[in-house]
Amino acid sequence: MPNIRHTPTAPTRAQRLTAGDRIEAHRHDDHQIVYAGSGVVAVTTDAGTWFAPGTRAIWVPAGTVHAHRAHGRLDLHLVGLPAGDNPLLLHHPAVLAVSPLLRELILAYTSDPADDSPERHRLRAVLCDHLRLSPQQPLRLPTPADPRLAAVCALVHDDPADARTLAALGAATGVGERTLSRLFRSEFGMTFPQWRTQSRLYHALRMLADGLPVTTVAHRCGWSSASAFIDVFRRSFGYTPGVHRRRTQGPAT
């Protein structure tokens, strides 16, 4: 990532971003929690893209070069934590489940960053306690290193409705199915169908944030029916695509 900005202290704040807004590549000496109160936030590093709607948060460890992008009208909440305070004991980015209580803690903590009262310090301690209890979620699109894998991933990203098998995609790029299957497991730690589902969910989140109808999104992202899409979406995020679409579009202005 060119023109990397270094901001030693990771900010704690709340800010509104419009659809398509970006925060360009930068790094902090602190850890940071990235949470979308509404909309969808995507955090990209050299290793891949992590994405989260309002029931998820993204953990960005100290020193990680990363960029943000907003999908839908994004209420972005950032929580900076000192490098020595790592409640998750994680040294790589991760997507975390956000309980209703953790959501309220994040919103309260980012509402007045200038507050340095003992009460706010206790609030941060409770927030970190609940972060420790947050399970990780598999909402990541890793960046392929092998050019053969990258070629297949690009075909799927360009057309998430593409229903071709891994063998057919391999034939289109001149790579054998067995080789590609091995690469998906060795580089991404998942099978091709698992990776394709993650890719389709990412595209679905973006399309819903842009206001497209649920049925349209289902077909454009390769699901055979709206009901099949709704089932996968609910199991992944805990609510339906229709609820997500209303949240990401935000209140009328």
Foldseek 3Di string as FASTA:
>chain_A
DPPEAEDAFFDFAKDKDAAFDKFAKYFYQWKKKKAWCFFKKWKAALFFIFIDGHQKIKIGAHPTTIMMGTFFTTTIGMDTDHNVDDLQPDDHMFMWGADPVLSVLRCVLRPDVVDPDPVSVVSVVVNSVVRNVTDTAPQIQTDQDDVLLNQLVVVCLVQLQDPDDLQVSCVVSVHHSVVNQVSCCVSVVDGPVVNSVSSLVVQLSNVLSVPDDQQVSCNRNRHPGSVVVQVVVCVRRVHGSVVSSDRRNDDDD
